[in-house]
Amino acid sequence: MILITGAAGRVGSATVKSLVDQGVAIRATIHSQPLHFDGVEVCHINYDQPETLMPALEGIDTLFLISREVSNEKAMVETALDAGIERIVKLSSFRADKDTFHVGQLHRKIERLIEENDMRWTFLRPNYLMQNFITLMGNDIRNDGVFYDSIGDARISCIDARDVGAAAARVLIEPGHEGSAYDLSGPEAISHHEAAAMLSEATGRNIRYVPIGDDEFRNKLQEEGVPGEYVDIFVDVNRQTRLGITEDHIVTENVEKLTGWSSTPFKQFCRDYASDFKPLKFSE
C-alpha cells in the first residue's frame, strides 16, 4: 500500500485524485486540513507528536513524502527506516541539486539522508506552482485586481499542481523510476506581467502585476499567514530568481515523459481557475 503524506495540500490532493481515479489503494495522512475523497483510508499525524508517525506506516511499502515544512521530513524518513519501508518518493524543489538557494538546500539535505540509507528513491522537483497565484496572491486579485511580488521581471516555468500529482501517481505505481530525480516544469517560462495579461483575459478583468521590494513582500506574506519558514523561502527564491542566480526559467519535458501528455500552459490554468480570481460577492 502507498502512504501519501500532506494529502490535503495542493500536490498531495492532486496525487490522491489521480491514484483514486486509477483504483489504487492508498492511505492518506492529514494534519489540520480535511481530505475530501471517498474510499480513502485517512489517518492523522502530527510531527510534534512523533508517536503518531509509526502507526501511519503500518502495512505500507511505498511512501510519498510531502510536508508543508521541510524540517518535518527528517523525522518521517527516520521513522520509515525504523518501519522497514524500502521505497520512498519525495517531493522536493526545482533544481534542488544545485544547492544555490535556501529551500533547495533544505530539500537536498533530506534527499541526501534518503540516499545515504540505501532506500529505493525517486525525487520529484517541481518548479513554482501555478496555484500559488490563488493562495498567495488571490486575495489582492479578487479584491483589487492587482497582485504584488518581489520577483521583478524574471521569467519562470511555473507548473500546475495537477501535473505534479499526475506525474507523482505514475512514479508511485510504475516500476523503473528508482534512483531518478525529475525536474518538473510548465511548458513555457513567463513573467508575472505576462501572467497578469493571461489572468485578465481569462477573468474579463483588468489584472495588474506590481513589483515590490523584498521587505514589502515579506510583510505581505506574513499578513497572509504564511508560516515563518516559508516566508524566508519565498523571499530568498524571489531574490535569487530576480537576480538571475537560479535557473527557474528552464523548461523540462519530464511531465510528458512521465504522464504521456504535455504540461498545462498558464493560459489554460487561468481558464480552469477563473472563478477563483473573481471578486467575492457579499449578500446584504
C-alpha atoms as a PDB file:
ATOM      1  CA  MET A   1       0.000   0.000   0.000  1.00  0.00           C
ATOM      2  CA  ILE A   2       1.056   3.578  -0.688  1.00  0.00           C
ATOM      3  CA  LEU A   3       1.108   6.233   2.034  1.00  0.00           C
ATOM      4  CA  ILE A   4       0.634   9.856   0.918  1.00  0.00           C
ATOM      5  CA  THR A   5       1.704  12.444   3.483  1.00  0.00           C
ATOM      6  CA  GLY A   6       0.477  16.012   3.140  1.00  0.00           C
ATOM      7  CA  ALA A   7      -2.527  14.596   1.307  1.00  0.00           C
ATOM      8  CA  ALA A   8      -4.748  17.655   1.798  1.00  0.00           C
ATOM      9  CA  GLY A   9      -2.281  20.028   0.139  1.00  0.00           C
ATOM     10  CA  ARG A  10      -2.211  21.086  -3.494  1.00  0.00           C
ATOM     11  CA  VAL A  11       0.144  18.394  -4.779  1.00  0.00           C
ATOM     12  CA  GLY A  12      -0.985  15.795  -2.252  1.00  0.00           C
ATOM     13  CA  SER A  13      -4.660  16.093  -3.141  1.00  0.00           C
ATOM     14  CA  ALA A  14      -3.861  16.043  -6.873  1.00  0.00           C
ATOM     15  CA  THR A  15      -1.876  12.852  -6.355  1.00  0.00           C
ATOM     16  CA  VAL A  16      -4.643  11.262  -4.304  1.00  0.00           C
ATOM     17  CA  LYS A  17      -7.195  12.112  -7.015  1.00  0.00           C
ATOM     18  CA  SER A  18      -5.034  10.595  -9.742  1.00  0.00           C
ATOM     19  CA  LEU A  19      -4.478   7.388  -7.778  1.00  0.00           C
ATOM     20  CA  VAL A  20      -8.135   7.088  -6.750  1.00  0.00           C
ATOM     21  CA  ASP A  21      -9.203   7.562 -10.375  1.00  0.00           C
ATOM     22  CA  GLN A  22      -6.974   4.609 -11.254  1.00  0.00           C
ATOM     23  CA  GLY A  23      -8.377   2.436  -8.479  1.00  0.00           C
ATOM     24  CA  VAL A  24      -5.148   2.318  -6.460  1.00  0.00           C
ATOM     25  CA  ALA A  25      -5.470   1.553  -2.740  1.00  0.00           C
ATOM     26  CA  ILE A  26      -3.814   4.258  -0.666  1.00  0.00           C
ATOM     27  CA  ARG A  27      -3.617   5.630   2.844  1.00  0.00           C
ATOM     28  CA  ALA A  28      -3.506   9.386   3.281  1.00  0.00           C
ATOM     29  CA  THR A  29      -2.216  11.399   6.209  1.00  0.00           C
ATOM     30  CA  ILE A  30      -3.645  14.737   7.226  1.00  0.00           C
ATOM     31  CA  HIS A  31      -2.791  17.177   9.976  1.00  0.00           C
ATOM     32  CA  SER A  32      -5.242  20.072  10.227  1.00  0.00           C
ATOM     33  CA  GLN A  33      -6.987  20.183   6.849  1.00  0.00           C
ATOM     34  CA  PRO A  34      -9.736  17.703   5.892  1.00  0.00           C
ATOM     35  CA  LEU A  35      -9.487  15.385   2.892  1.00  0.00           C
ATOM     36  CA  HIS A  36     -12.474  15.234   0.572  1.00  0.00           C
ATOM     37  CA  PHE A  37     -12.157  11.876  -1.174  1.00  0.00           C
ATOM     38  CA  ASP A  38     -14.448   8.887  -0.716  1.00  0.00           C
ATOM     39  CA  GLY A  39     -12.941   5.468  -0.144  1.00  0.00           C
ATOM     40  CA  VAL A  40      -9.530   6.671   1.005  1.00  0.00           C
ATOM     41  CA  GLU A  41      -8.124   5.431   4.299  1.00  0.00           C
ATOM     42  CA  VAL A  42      -7.195   8.515   6.308  1.00  0.00           C
ATOM     43  CA  CYS A  43      -5.019   8.844   9.397  1.00  0.00           C
ATOM     44  CA  HIS A  44      -3.933  11.864  11.395  1.00  0.00           C
ATOM     45  CA  ILE A  45      -0.277  12.609  12.068  1.00  0.00           C
ATOM     46  CA  ASN A  46       1.419  15.392  13.997  1.00  0.00           C
ATOM     47  CA  TYR A  47       5.123  15.977  13.573  1.00  0.00           C
ATOM     48  CA  ASP A  48       5.222  17.469  17.065  1.00  0.00           C
ATOM     49  CA  GLN A  49       3.970  14.082  18.323  1.00  0.00           C
ATOM     50  CA  PRO A  50       6.417  11.515  16.883  1.00  0.00           C
ATOM     51  CA  GLU A  51       4.366   8.628  18.262  1.00  0.00           C
ATOM     52  CA  THR A  52       1.752   9.347  15.557  1.00  0.00           C
ATOM     53  CA  LEU A  53       4.146   8.572  12.705  1.00  0.00           C
ATOM     54  CA  MET A  54       4.793   4.839  13.107  1.00  0.00           C
ATOM     55  CA  PRO A  55       1.080   3.793  13.081  1.00  0.00           C
ATOM     56  CA  ALA A  56       0.631   5.623   9.779  1.00  0.00           C
ATOM     57  CA  LEU A  57       3.353   3.467   8.224  1.00  0.00           C
ATOM     58  CA  GLU A  58       1.956   0.116   9.326  1.00  0.00           C
ATOM     59  CA  GLY A  59       1.404  -2.124   6.295  1.00  0.00           C
ATOM     60  CA  ILE A  60       2.962   0.423   3.929  1.00  0.00           C
ATOM     61  CA  ASP A  61       5.538  -0.482   1.281  1.00  0.00           C
ATOM     62  CA  THR A  62       5.849   2.862  -0.561  1.00  0.00           C
ATOM     63  CA  LEU A  63       5.941   6.335   0.991  1.00  0.00           C
ATOM     64  CA  PHE A  64       5.210   9.561  -0.881  1.00  0.00           C
ATOM     65  CA  LEU A  65       6.793  12.219   1.301  1.00  0.00           C
ATOM     66  CA  ILE A  66       5.289  15.714   1.211  1.00  0.00           C
ATOM     67  CA  SER A  67       5.437  18.235   4.011  1.00  0.00           C
ATOM     68  CA  ARG A  68       4.484  21.882   4.270  1.00  0.00           C
ATOM     69  CA  GLU A  69       7.631  22.432   6.326  1.00  0.00           C
ATOM     70  CA  VAL A  70      10.722  20.594   5.078  1.00  0.00           C
ATOM     71  CA  SER A  71      12.166  20.456   8.590  1.00  0.00           C
ATOM     72  CA  ASN A  72       9.475  17.897   9.490  1.00  0.00           C
ATOM     73  CA  GLU A  73      10.640  15.383   6.917  1.00  0.00           C
ATOM     74  CA  LYS A  74      13.709  14.122   8.788  1.00  0.00           C
ATOM     75  CA  ALA A  75      11.503  12.547  11.463  1.00  0.00           C
ATOM     76  CA  MET A  76       9.329  10.810   8.875  1.00  0.00           C
ATOM     77  CA  VAL A  77      12.341   9.443   6.956  1.00  0.00           C
ATOM     78  CA  GLU A  78      13.883   8.093  10.157  1.00  0.00           C
ATOM     79  CA  THR A  79      10.570   6.537  11.206  1.00  0.00           C
ATOM     80  CA  ALA A  80      10.188   4.986   7.748  1.00  0.00           C
ATOM     81  CA  LEU A  81      13.642   3.435   8.109  1.00  0.00           C
ATOM     82  CA  ASP A  82      12.690   2.006  11.501  1.00  0.00           C
ATOM     83  CA  ALA A  83       9.474   0.647   9.966  1.00  0.00           C
ATOM     84  CA  GLY A  84      11.403  -1.109   7.216  1.00  0.00           C
ATOM     85  CA  ILE A  85       9.995   0.983   4.367  1.00  0.00           C
ATOM     86  CA  GLU A  86      12.197   0.286   1.361  1.00  0.00           C
ATOM     87  CA  ARG A  87      10.817   2.701  -1.233  1.00  0.00           C
ATOM     88  CA  ILE A  88      10.262   6.436  -0.957  1.00  0.00           C
ATOM     89  CA  VAL A  89       9.198   9.106  -3.426  1.00  0.00           C
ATOM     90  CA  LYS A  90       9.984  12.594  -2.164  1.00  0.00           C
ATOM     91  CA  LEU A  91       8.507  15.883  -3.321  1.00  0.00           C
ATOM     92  CA  SER A  92      11.498  18.193  -3.498  1.00  0.00           C
ATOM     93  CA  SER A  93      12.106  21.541  -5.241  1.00  0.00           C
ATOM     94  CA  PHE A  94      13.219  22.573  -8.716  1.00  0.00           C
ATOM     95  CA  ARG A  95      16.960  22.151  -9.300  1.00  0.00           C
ATOM     96  CA  ALA A  96      17.490  21.249  -5.637  1.00  0.00           C
ATOM     97  CA  ASP A  97      20.759  19.521  -6.508  1.00  0.00           C
ATOM     98  CA  LYS A  98      22.253  22.922  -7.382  1.00  0.00           C
ATOM     99  CA  ASP A  99      22.212  23.996  -3.697  1.00  0.00           C
ATOM    100  CA  THR A 100      22.076  27.678  -4.599  1.00  0.00           C
ATOM    101  CA  PHE A 101      19.096  28.780  -2.522  1.00  0.00           C
ATOM    102  CA  HIS A 102      17.644  28.139   0.905  1.00  0.00           C
ATOM    103  CA  VAL A 103      14.738  25.868   0.011  1.00  0.00           C
ATOM    104  CA  GLY A 104      16.933  23.823  -2.315  1.00  0.00           C
ATOM    105  CA  GLN A 105      19.432  23.294   0.480  1.00  0.00           C
ATOM    106  CA  LEU A 106      16.681  22.183   2.870  1.00  0.00           C
ATOM    107  CA  HIS A 107      15.298  19.661   0.396  1.00  0.00           C
ATOM    108  CA  ARG A 108      18.728  18.455  -0.674  1.00  0.00           C
ATOM    109  CA  LYS A 109      19.594  17.702   2.940  1.00  0.00           C
ATOM    110  CA  ILE A 110      16.603  15.339   3.150  1.00  0.00           C
ATOM    111  CA  GLU A 111      17.440  13.852  -0.241  1.00  0.00           C
ATOM    112  CA  ARG A 112      20.942  13.023   0.980  1.00  0.00           C
ATOM    113  CA  LEU A 113      19.547  11.419   4.130  1.00  0.00           C
ATOM    114  CA  ILE A 114      17.432   9.145   1.941  1.00  0.00           C
ATOM    115  CA  GLU A 115      20.309   8.348  -0.416  1.00  0.00           C
ATOM    116  CA  GLU A 116      22.719   7.547   2.394  1.00  0.00           C
ATOM    117  CA  ASN A 117      20.354   4.959   3.879  1.00  0.00           C
ATOM    118  CA  ASP A 118      20.107   2.882   0.698  1.00  0.00           C
ATOM    119  CA  MET A 119      16.370   3.343   0.249  1.00  0.00           C
ATOM    120  CA  ARG A 120      14.929   2.916  -3.241  1.00  0.00           C
ATOM    121  CA  TRP A 121      14.158   6.518  -4.017  1.00  0.00           C
ATOM    122  CA  THR A 122      12.727   8.870  -6.598  1.00  0.00           C
ATOM    123  CA  PHE A 123      12.810  12.656  -6.255  1.00  0.00           C
ATOM    124  CA  LEU A 124      10.228  14.912  -7.898  1.00  0.00           C
ATOM    125  CA  ARG A 125      11.408  18.516  -8.136  1.00  0.00           C
ATOM    126  CA  PRO A 126       8.614  20.824  -9.329  1.00  0.00           C
ATOM    127  CA  ASN A 127       9.083  24.489 -10.129  1.00  0.00           C
ATOM    128  CA  TYR A 128       6.899  27.291  -8.734  1.00  0.00           C
ATOM    129  CA  LEU A 129       3.293  26.101  -8.575  1.00  0.00           C
ATOM    130  CA  MET A 130       0.693  27.984 -10.593  1.00  0.00           C
ATOM    131  CA  GLN A 131      -1.694  27.528  -7.675  1.00  0.00           C
ATOM    132  CA  ASN A 132       0.462  29.997  -5.698  1.00  0.00           C
ATOM    133  CA  PHE A 133      -1.304  32.709  -7.673  1.00  0.00           C
ATOM    134  CA  ILE A 134      -4.504  31.612  -5.906  1.00  0.00           C
ATOM    135  CA  THR A 135      -3.176  31.015  -2.399  1.00  0.00           C
ATOM    136  CA  LEU A 136      -0.578  33.800  -2.123  1.00  0.00           C
ATOM    137  CA  MET A 137      -1.993  36.473  -4.433  1.00  0.00           C
ATOM    138  CA  GLY A 138      -5.647  35.538  -4.710  1.00  0.00           C
ATOM    139  CA  ASN A 139      -6.984  37.984  -2.125  1.00  0.00           C
ATOM    140  CA  ASP A 140      -5.411  41.004  -3.806  1.00  0.00           C
ATOM    141  CA  ILE A 141      -6.516  39.837  -7.249  1.00  0.00           C
ATOM    142  CA  ARG A 142     -10.099  39.247  -6.138  1.00  0.00           C
ATOM    143  CA  ASN A 143     -10.393  42.448  -4.119  1.00  0.00           C
ATOM    144  CA  ASP A 144      -8.314  44.928  -6.115  1.00  0.00           C
ATOM    145  CA  GLY A 145      -7.433  43.368  -9.480  1.00  0.00           C
ATOM    146  CA  VAL A 146      -3.729  43.522  -8.690  1.00  0.00           C
ATOM    147  CA  PHE A 147      -1.012  41.271  -7.289  1.00  0.00           C
ATOM    148  CA  TYR A 148       2.352  42.055  -5.782  1.00  0.00           C
ATOM    149  CA  ASP A 149       5.591  40.082  -5.863  1.00  0.00           C
ATOM    150  CA  SER A 150       9.309  40.690  -5.473  1.00  0.00           C
ATOM    151  CA  ILE A 151      10.353  38.542  -8.426  1.00  0.00           C
ATOM    152  CA  GLY A 152      10.699  41.575 -10.702  1.00  0.00           C
ATOM    153  CA  ASP A 153      10.661  40.871 -14.437  1.00  0.00           C
ATOM    154  CA  ALA A 154      12.149  37.376 -14.169  1.00  0.00           C
ATOM    155  CA  ARG A 155      10.625  34.532 -16.159  1.00  0.00           C
ATOM    156  CA  ILE A 156       9.720  31.228 -14.503  1.00  0.00           C
ATOM    157  CA  SER A 157       8.490  27.938 -15.937  1.00  0.00           C
ATOM    158  CA  CYS A 158       5.754  27.553 -13.321  1.00  0.00           C
ATOM    159  CA  ILE A 159       3.823  24.281 -13.207  1.00  0.00           C
ATOM    160  CA  ASP A 160       0.255  23.242 -12.466  1.00  0.00           C
ATOM    161  CA  ALA A 161      -0.036  21.167  -9.269  1.00  0.00           C
ATOM    162  CA  ARG A 162      -2.365  18.828 -11.157  1.00  0.00           C
ATOM    163  CA  ASP A 163       0.513  17.877 -13.459  1.00  0.00           C
ATOM    164  CA  VAL A 164       2.784  17.258 -10.486  1.00  0.00           C
ATOM    165  CA  GLY A 165       0.124  14.996  -8.957  1.00  0.00           C
ATOM    166  CA  ALA A 166      -0.267  13.045 -12.189  1.00  0.00           C
ATOM    167  CA  ALA A 167       3.500  12.612 -12.513  1.00  0.00           C
ATOM    168  CA  ALA A 168       3.726  11.512  -8.874  1.00  0.00           C
ATOM    169  CA  ALA A 169       0.972   8.942  -9.351  1.00  0.00           C
ATOM    170  CA  ARG A 170       2.772   7.453 -12.327  1.00  0.00           C
ATOM    171  CA  VAL A 171       6.053   7.191 -10.430  1.00  0.00           C
ATOM    172  CA  LEU A 172       4.317   5.636  -7.421  1.00  0.00           C
ATOM    173  CA  ILE A 173       2.622   2.815  -9.323  1.00  0.00           C
ATOM    174  CA  GLU A 174       5.061   2.214 -12.159  1.00  0.00           C
ATOM    175  CA  PRO A 175       8.441   0.441 -11.809  1.00  0.00           C
ATOM    176  CA  GLY A 176      11.672   1.763 -13.245  1.00  0.00           C
ATOM    177  CA  HIS A 177      11.967   5.160 -11.583  1.00  0.00           C
ATOM    178  CA  GLU A 178      14.210   4.200  -8.678  1.00  0.00           C
ATOM    179  CA  GLY A 179      17.360   6.311  -8.448  1.00  0.00           C
ATOM    180  CA  SER A 180      15.915   9.065 -10.668  1.00  0.00           C
ATOM    181  CA  ALA A 181      15.304  12.744  -9.968  1.00  0.00           C
ATOM    182  CA  TYR A 182      12.895  14.665 -12.185  1.00  0.00           C
ATOM    183  CA  ASP A 183      12.814  18.449 -12.514  1.00  0.00           C
ATOM    184  CA  LEU A 184       9.200  19.293 -13.389  1.00  0.00           C
ATOM    185  CA  SER A 185       8.206  22.495 -15.151  1.00  0.00           C
ATOM    186  CA  GLY A 186       5.427  24.009 -17.177  1.00  0.00           C
ATOM    187  CA  PRO A 187       5.723  24.283 -20.972  1.00  0.00           C
ATOM    188  CA  GLU A 188       6.976  27.872 -21.053  1.00  0.00           C
ATOM    189  CA  ALA A 189       8.796  30.442 -18.960  1.00  0.00           C
ATOM    190  CA  ILE A 190       6.665  33.544 -18.404  1.00  0.00           C
ATOM    191  CA  SER A 191       6.969  36.789 -16.498  1.00  0.00           C
ATOM    192  CA  HIS A 192       4.444  37.985 -13.958  1.00  0.00           C
ATOM    193  CA  HIS A 193       3.459  40.749 -16.396  1.00  0.00           C
ATOM    194  CA  GLU A 194       2.512  38.046 -18.924  1.00  0.00           C
ATOM    195  CA  ALA A 195       0.721  36.127 -16.179  1.00  0.00           C
ATOM    196  CA  ALA A 196      -1.337  39.233 -15.380  1.00  0.00           C
ATOM    197  CA  ALA A 197      -2.331  39.571 -19.039  1.00  0.00           C
ATOM    198  CA  MET A 198      -3.465  35.932 -19.169  1.00  0.00           C
ATOM    199  CA  LEU A 199      -5.403  36.282 -15.929  1.00  0.00           C
ATOM    200  CA  SER A 200      -7.065  39.401 -17.331  1.00  0.00           C
ATOM    201  CA  GLU A 201      -8.133  37.563 -20.470  1.00  0.00           C
ATOM    202  CA  ALA A 202      -9.492  34.560 -18.554  1.00  0.00           C
ATOM    203  CA  THR A 203     -11.457  36.589 -15.989  1.00  0.00           C
ATOM    204  CA  GLY A 204     -12.564  39.501 -18.144  1.00  0.00           C
ATOM    205  CA  ARG A 205     -10.991  41.900 -15.640  1.00  0.00           C
ATOM    206  CA  ASN A 206      -8.006  44.236 -15.793  1.00  0.00           C
ATOM    207  CA  ILE A 207      -5.477  42.492 -13.520  1.00  0.00           C
ATOM    208  CA  ARG A 208      -2.110  44.131 -12.951  1.00  0.00           C
ATOM    209  CA  TYR A 209       1.206  42.974 -11.531  1.00  0.00           C
ATOM    210  CA  VAL A 210       3.125  45.419  -9.331  1.00  0.00           C
ATOM    211  CA  PRO A 211       6.752  44.562  -8.457  1.00  0.00           C
ATOM    212  CA  ILE A 212       7.723  45.300  -4.853  1.00  0.00           C
ATOM    213  CA  GLY A 213      10.867  45.035  -2.740  1.00  0.00           C
ATOM    214  CA  ASP A 214      11.884  42.128  -0.536  1.00  0.00           C
ATOM    215  CA  ASP A 215      10.848  43.746   2.743  1.00  0.00           C
ATOM    216  CA  GLU A 216       7.407  44.706   1.480  1.00  0.00           C
ATOM    217  CA  PHE A 217       6.942  41.212   0.049  1.00  0.00           C
ATOM    218  CA  ARG A 218       7.947  39.686   3.374  1.00  0.00           C
ATOM    219  CA  ASN A 219       5.316  41.796   5.148  1.00  0.00           C
ATOM    220  CA  LYS A 220       2.615  40.742   2.675  1.00  0.00           C
ATOM    221  CA  LEU A 221       3.402  37.055   3.163  1.00  0.00           C
ATOM    222  CA  GLN A 222       3.222  37.467   6.914  1.00  0.00           C
ATOM    223  CA  GLU A 223      -0.127  39.249   6.571  1.00  0.00           C
ATOM    224  CA  GLU A 224      -1.395  36.279   4.518  1.00  0.00           C
ATOM    225  CA  GLY A 225      -0.451  33.946   7.380  1.00  0.00           C
ATOM    226  CA  VAL A 226       2.362  32.135   5.578  1.00  0.00           C
ATOM    227  CA  PRO A 227       4.488  30.178   8.123  1.00  0.00           C
ATOM    228  CA  GLY A 228       7.808  31.802   9.038  1.00  0.00           C
ATOM    229  CA  GLU A 229       9.949  29.149   7.351  1.00  0.00           C
ATOM    230  CA  TYR A 230       8.079  29.624   4.097  1.00  0.00           C
ATOM    231  CA  VAL A 231       8.268  33.417   4.280  1.00  0.00           C
ATOM    232  CA  ASP A 232      12.048  33.134   4.286  1.00  0.00           C
ATOM    233  CA  ILE A 233      11.928  30.592   1.453  1.00  0.00           C
ATOM    234  CA  PHE A 234       9.742  32.709  -0.841  1.00  0.00           C
ATOM    235  CA  VAL A 235      11.744  35.874  -0.219  1.00  0.00           C
ATOM    236  CA  ASP A 236      15.040  34.071  -0.836  1.00  0.00           C
ATOM    237  CA  VAL A 237      13.868  32.300  -4.000  1.00  0.00           C
ATOM    238  CA  ASN A 238      12.383  35.501  -5.412  1.00  0.00           C
ATOM    239  CA  ARG A 239      15.546  37.471  -4.739  1.00  0.00           C
ATOM    240  CA  GLN A 240      17.780  34.907  -6.421  1.00  0.00           C
ATOM    241  CA  THR A 241      15.390  34.485  -9.342  1.00  0.00           C
ATOM    242  CA  ARG A 242      15.187  38.258  -9.815  1.00  0.00           C
ATOM    243  CA  LEU A 243      18.987  38.466  -9.836  1.00  0.00           C
ATOM    244  CA  GLY A 244      19.303  35.596 -12.320  1.00  0.00           C
ATOM    245  CA  ILE A 245      21.068  33.289  -9.871  1.00  0.00           C
ATOM    246  CA  THR A 246      18.549  30.452 -10.056  1.00  0.00           C
ATOM    247  CA  GLU A 247      17.507  28.553 -13.183  1.00  0.00           C
ATOM    248  CA  ASP A 248      13.745  28.876 -12.755  1.00  0.00           C
ATOM    249  CA  HIS A 249      13.356  29.765 -16.438  1.00  0.00           C
ATOM    250  CA  ILE A 250      14.402  26.278 -17.594  1.00  0.00           C
ATOM    251  CA  VAL A 251      11.699  24.200 -19.307  1.00  0.00           C
ATOM    252  CA  THR A 252      11.845  20.422 -18.976  1.00  0.00           C
ATOM    253  CA  GLU A 253       9.897  17.668 -20.741  1.00  0.00           C
ATOM    254  CA  ASN A 254       9.652  15.400 -17.709  1.00  0.00           C
ATOM    255  CA  VAL A 255       5.896  15.818 -17.213  1.00  0.00           C
ATOM    256  CA  GLU A 256       5.308  14.467 -20.708  1.00  0.00           C
ATOM    257  CA  LYS A 257       7.945  11.775 -20.157  1.00  0.00           C
ATOM    258  CA  LEU A 258       6.151  10.562 -17.032  1.00  0.00           C
ATOM    259  CA  THR A 259       2.497  11.091 -17.931  1.00  0.00           C
ATOM    260  CA  GLY A 260       2.354  10.923 -21.708  1.00  0.00           C
ATOM    261  CA  TRP A 261       0.900  14.430 -22.100  1.00  0.00           C
ATOM    262  CA  SER A 262       2.339  17.927 -22.175  1.00  0.00           C
ATOM    263  CA  SER A 263       2.281  20.059 -19.042  1.00  0.00           C
ATOM    264  CA  THR A 264      -0.513  22.608 -18.654  1.00  0.00           C
ATOM    265  CA  PRO A 265       0.090  26.095 -20.105  1.00  0.00           C
ATOM    266  CA  PHE A 266      -0.533  29.003 -17.745  1.00  0.00           C
ATOM    267  CA  LYS A 267      -3.285  30.289 -20.035  1.00  0.00           C
ATOM    268  CA  GLN A 268      -5.188  27.025 -19.550  1.00  0.00           C
ATOM    269  CA  PHE A 269      -4.659  27.185 -15.790  1.00  0.00           C
ATOM    270  CA  CYS A 270      -6.194  30.667 -15.821  1.00  0.00           C
ATOM    271  CA  ARG A 271      -9.240  29.417 -17.709  1.00  0.00           C
ATOM    272  CA  ASP A 272      -9.712  26.434 -15.412  1.00  0.00           C
ATOM    273  CA  TYR A 273      -9.454  28.511 -12.228  1.00  0.00           C
ATOM    274  CA  ALA A 274     -11.018  31.758 -13.460  1.00  0.00           C
ATOM    275  CA  SER A 275     -13.724  31.642 -10.801  1.00  0.00           C
ATOM    276  CA  ASP A 276     -11.055  31.618  -8.063  1.00  0.00           C
ATOM    277  CA  PHE A 277      -9.892  35.060  -9.186  1.00  0.00           C
ATOM    278  CA  LYS A 278     -13.250  36.777  -9.462  1.00  0.00           C
ATOM    279  CA  PRO A 279     -14.448  39.256  -6.801  1.00  0.00           C
ATOM    280  CA  LEU A 280     -16.267  37.698  -3.887  1.00  0.00           C
ATOM    281  CA  LYS A 281     -19.958  38.522  -3.750  1.00  0.00           C
ATOM    282  CA  PHE A 282     -21.419  39.517  -0.404  1.00  0.00           C
ATOM    283  CA  SER A 283     -25.124  39.391   0.300  1.00  0.00           C
ATOM    284  CA  GLU A 284     -26.618  42.244   2.295  1.00  0.00           C
END
